Amino acid sequence: MIKQLIYGLLCLVSFEAPAQQTRDSIVVAVDNLFEAMRNADGVALKNCFSPNAVLQSIQQKDGEVKVVEESIDDFVVFLGKENKGAADERITIQTVQIDGPMAMVWAPYQFFTRVNSITVV
């Protein structure tokens, strides 16, 4: 039953962040992404991603799990057409793991009651 109700969202997103990566700078980068989404600001949203960013979601239906990839440009266009406030995911950053120039952020959100996994470079 739960498998039928839950769709996981996995965002493997590559951000450009300062060379001196601290937890605070990583949290700011993630907050900027979700603020741009909330404000339906396509320009700010596009600026959150590096040119080689990958956006993926996990879809589960009838016991089958699929990884679906979406282009950053399509994502930006879609959210840019939304009304301000329509894409308010209200994330809670639970975990930030840092290894050199890369970090992983685990951030559940309330929009669809799922979780984002965000890779910051």
Protein backbone atom coordinates (compact mmCIF):
# COMPACT_ATOMS: atom_id res chain seq x y z
CA MET A 1 0.00 0.00 0.00
CA ILE A 2 2.72 2.46 0.97
CA LYS A 3 4.63 1.62 -2.20
CA GLN A 4 1.62 2.73 -4.21
CA LEU A 5 1.31 6.02 -2.33
CA ILE A 6 4.93 7.11 -2.20
CA TYR A 7 6.82 8.60 -5.10
CA GLY A 8 10.42 9.42 -4.28
CA LEU A 9 11.99 12.51 -5.70
CA LEU A 10 15.72 12.42 -6.13
CA CYS A 11 17.40 15.57 -7.27
CA LEU A 12 20.99 15.04 -8.21
CA VAL A 13 21.84 18.63 -8.76
CA SER A 14 25.22 20.11 -9.31
CA PHE A 15 25.61 23.63 -7.98
CA GLU A 16 28.55 25.95 -8.34
CA ALA A 17 29.74 26.80 -4.84
CA PRO A 18 32.77 28.67 -3.47
CA ALA A 19 36.06 26.77 -3.18
CA GLN A 20 35.88 27.05 0.62
CA GLN A 21 32.89 24.83 1.14
CA THR A 22 31.34 25.07 4.54
CA ARG A 23 28.04 23.78 5.72
CA ASP A 24 26.68 27.34 5.73
CA SER A 25 27.62 28.03 2.10
CA ILE A 26 26.06 24.74 1.05
CA VAL A 27 22.84 25.49 2.93
CA VAL A 28 22.73 28.95 1.30
CA ALA A 29 23.09 27.37 -2.17
CA VAL A 30 20.23 24.96 -1.46
CA ASP A 31 18.08 27.72 0.09
CA ASN A 32 18.65 29.86 -3.03
CA LEU A 33 17.35 27.02 -5.21
CA PHE A 34 14.17 26.56 -3.22
CA GLU A 35 13.60 30.31 -2.90
CA ALA A 36 13.85 30.65 -6.71
CA MET A 37 11.35 27.79 -7.06
CA ARG A 38 8.98 29.39 -4.52
CA ASN A 39 9.22 32.74 -6.34
CA ALA A 40 8.80 31.16 -9.81
CA ASP A 41 11.96 33.07 -10.77
CA GLY A 42 13.34 31.34 -13.85
CA VAL A 43 16.49 33.47 -14.04
CA ALA A 44 17.43 32.90 -10.40
CA LEU A 45 16.57 29.22 -10.74
CA LYS A 46 18.78 28.79 -13.83
CA ASN A 47 21.64 30.47 -11.94
CA CYS A 48 21.44 27.80 -9.22
CA PHE A 49 22.63 25.06 -11.57
CA SER A 50 25.97 24.37 -13.19
CA PRO A 51 25.89 23.70 -16.95
CA ASN A 52 26.28 19.93 -16.41
CA ALA A 53 23.66 19.53 -13.67
CA VAL A 54 21.45 16.45 -13.69
CA LEU A 55 17.90 16.38 -12.36
CA GLN A 56 16.36 12.98 -11.70
CA SER A 57 13.23 11.73 -10.01
CA ILE A 58 12.36 8.27 -8.81
CA GLN A 59 8.91 7.03 -9.79
CA GLN A 60 7.36 3.92 -8.33
CA LYS A 61 4.20 2.40 -9.73
CA ASP A 62 2.82 -1.13 -9.59
CA GLY A 63 5.99 -2.39 -7.94
CA GLU A 64 8.21 -0.99 -10.70
CA VAL A 65 10.82 1.66 -9.93
CA LYS A 66 12.01 4.03 -12.66
CA VAL A 67 14.61 6.79 -12.72
CA VAL A 68 13.32 9.66 -14.83
CA GLU A 69 15.70 12.36 -16.00
CA GLU A 70 14.54 15.90 -16.76
CA SER A 71 16.57 18.64 -18.37
CA ILE A 72 17.38 21.66 -16.23
CA ASP A 73 16.04 23.91 -19.00
CA ASP A 74 12.65 22.13 -18.98
CA PHE A 75 12.54 22.35 -15.18
CA VAL A 76 13.32 26.08 -15.28
CA VAL A 77 10.69 26.75 -17.96
CA PHE A 78 8.05 24.73 -16.07
CA LEU A 79 8.66 26.49 -12.75
CA GLY A 80 8.98 29.88 -14.43
CA LYS A 81 5.36 29.51 -15.60
CA GLU A 82 4.05 28.67 -12.12
CA ASN A 83 2.39 31.25 -9.90
CA LYS A 84 4.58 32.67 -7.18
CA GLY A 85 4.28 30.41 -4.14
CA ALA A 86 2.94 27.41 -6.07
CA ALA A 87 6.21 25.46 -5.77
CA ASP A 88 6.84 25.98 -2.08
CA GLU A 89 8.45 22.71 -1.00
CA ARG A 90 9.26 23.79 2.59
CA ILE A 91 12.39 21.73 3.00
CA THR A 92 14.08 20.73 6.22
CA ILE A 93 17.81 20.13 5.83
CA GLN A 94 18.50 17.04 7.92
CA THR A 95 21.98 16.08 6.76
CA VAL A 96 24.91 17.78 5.07
CA GLN A 97 27.88 15.51 4.34
CA ILE A 98 31.02 17.18 2.97
CA ASP A 99 33.96 15.47 1.26
CA GLY A 100 36.41 17.93 -0.26
CA PRO A 101 34.71 19.87 -3.07
CA MET A 102 31.53 17.78 -2.96
CA ALA A 103 28.65 17.70 -0.51
CA MET A 104 25.41 15.75 -0.20
CA VAL A 105 22.29 17.31 1.30
CA TRP A 106 19.34 15.21 2.51
CA ALA A 107 16.28 17.46 2.70
CA PRO A 108 12.75 16.12 3.22
CA TYR A 109 10.02 18.47 2.05
CA GLN A 110 6.31 18.94 2.62
CA PHE A 111 5.12 19.76 -0.90
CA PHE A 112 4.60 16.08 -1.78
CA THR A 113 5.89 14.58 1.50
CA ARG A 114 9.04 13.24 -0.11
CA VAL A 115 12.77 13.84 0.11
CA ASN A 116 15.39 15.62 -1.97
CA SER A 117 18.91 14.29 -2.23
CA ILE A 118 21.04 17.14 -3.51
CA THR A 119 24.68 16.91 -4.53
CA VAL A 120 26.56 20.21 -4.30
CA VAL A 121 29.86 20.69 -6.10
